[in-house]
Amino acid sequence: MSEDNELDSLRQLIQQQLANPGSLNADKLIGSGISDANSLTKEQFIEKCPFTTKSEIVTDHQHNPPFGSNLCQDLQLYSKLSKTSG
């Protein structure tokens, strides 16, 4: 994959997250200064992108049961959930 394609894929992923206001990822991205995926450079992403800790995910799940706020699709579009022990 070329660097241009990688950046385009990254921008699409970030735009999906930003389109879900109130989610853990959107809040963290906006809080770190990433609010527009279209003008984002690779260097800006590396400099600003926040890490997400397990405790943040656990807290998010507690406040937004049963799956947390970081769903990729609307809850109604899910038909099956699989979970592994690992």
Protein backbone atom coordinates (compact mmCIF):
# COMPACT_ATOMS: atom_id res chain seq x y z
CA MET A 1 0.00 0.00 0.00
CA SER A 2 1.44 3.36 -0.95
CA GLU A 3 1.87 6.14 1.58
CA ASP A 4 -0.91 8.15 -0.09
CA ASN A 5 -3.30 5.20 0.24
CA GLU A 6 -2.31 4.73 3.87
CA LEU A 7 -3.04 8.39 4.62
CA ASP A 8 -6.38 8.19 2.81
CA SER A 9 -7.31 5.08 4.81
CA LEU A 10 -6.27 6.78 8.04
CA ARG A 11 -8.36 9.84 7.18
CA GLN A 12 -11.40 7.66 6.46
CA LEU A 13 -11.01 5.86 9.77
CA ILE A 14 -10.68 9.11 11.68
CA GLN A 15 -13.66 10.61 9.86
CA GLN A 16 -15.75 7.57 10.88
CA GLN A 17 -14.76 8.10 14.50
CA LEU A 18 -15.46 11.84 14.38
CA ALA A 19 -18.89 11.13 12.86
CA ASN A 20 -19.86 9.40 16.12
CA PRO A 21 -19.99 12.39 18.52
CA GLY A 22 -19.89 11.50 22.18
CA SER A 23 -17.98 8.28 21.60
CA LEU A 24 -14.75 7.66 23.47
CA ASN A 25 -12.63 7.85 20.31
CA ALA A 26 -14.31 10.99 18.95
CA ASP A 27 -13.97 12.76 22.29
CA LYS A 28 -10.29 11.80 22.56
CA LEU A 29 -9.52 12.87 18.99
CA ILE A 30 -11.29 16.21 19.36
CA GLY A 31 -9.69 16.75 22.76
CA SER A 32 -6.25 16.26 21.23
CA GLY A 33 -6.93 18.79 18.48
CA ILE A 34 -7.90 16.40 15.68
CA SER A 35 -11.27 17.63 14.45
CA ASP A 36 -10.90 17.53 10.66
CA ALA A 37 -9.66 14.35 9.02
CA ASN A 38 -9.47 15.83 5.52
CA SER A 39 -6.61 18.21 6.27
CA LEU A 40 -4.76 15.89 8.65
CA THR A 41 -1.17 15.03 7.77
CA LYS A 42 0.68 11.93 8.87
CA GLU A 43 2.98 14.06 11.01
CA GLN A 44 0.05 15.76 12.75
CA PHE A 45 -1.53 12.39 13.46
CA ILE A 46 1.68 11.01 14.97
CA GLU A 47 2.13 14.13 17.08
CA LYS A 48 -1.46 14.52 18.31
CA CYS A 49 -3.11 11.09 18.32
CA PRO A 50 -3.94 10.11 21.90
CA PHE A 51 -3.43 6.64 23.32
CA THR A 52 -6.42 4.85 24.81
CA THR A 53 -5.88 2.89 27.99
CA LYS A 54 -7.73 -0.21 29.09
CA SER A 55 -9.09 1.66 32.11
CA GLU A 56 -10.65 4.25 29.77
CA ILE A 57 -12.33 1.47 27.80
CA VAL A 58 -13.59 -0.21 30.99
CA THR A 59 -14.98 3.10 32.26
CA ASP A 60 -16.62 3.74 28.89
CA HIS A 61 -18.28 0.31 29.02
CA GLN A 62 -19.54 0.99 32.53
CA HIS A 63 -21.09 4.30 31.46
CA ASN A 64 -22.43 2.96 28.13
CA PRO A 65 -23.46 -0.67 28.66
CA PRO A 66 -23.27 -3.24 27.31
CA PHE A 67 -20.68 -2.47 24.60
CA GLY A 68 -19.41 1.03 25.31
CA SER A 69 -19.67 4.06 23.05
CA ASN A 70 -17.21 2.95 20.35
CA LEU A 71 -19.47 0.94 18.10
CA CYS A 72 -18.52 0.91 14.43
CA GLN A 73 -22.17 0.70 13.36
CA ASP A 74 -25.56 1.45 14.85
CA LEU A 75 -26.48 -1.11 17.49
CA GLN A 76 -29.49 -2.24 15.41
CA LEU A 77 -27.16 -3.40 12.61
CA TYR A 78 -25.41 -5.97 14.80
CA SER A 79 -26.82 -9.48 14.66
CA LYS A 80 -24.17 -11.56 16.43
CA LEU A 81 -21.45 -10.97 19.00
CA SER A 82 -18.56 -13.38 19.49
CA LYS A 83 -16.06 -13.16 22.30
CA THR A 84 -12.87 -15.08 22.88
CA SER A 85 -11.21 -15.87 26.18
CA GLY A 86 -7.94 -14.29 25.08
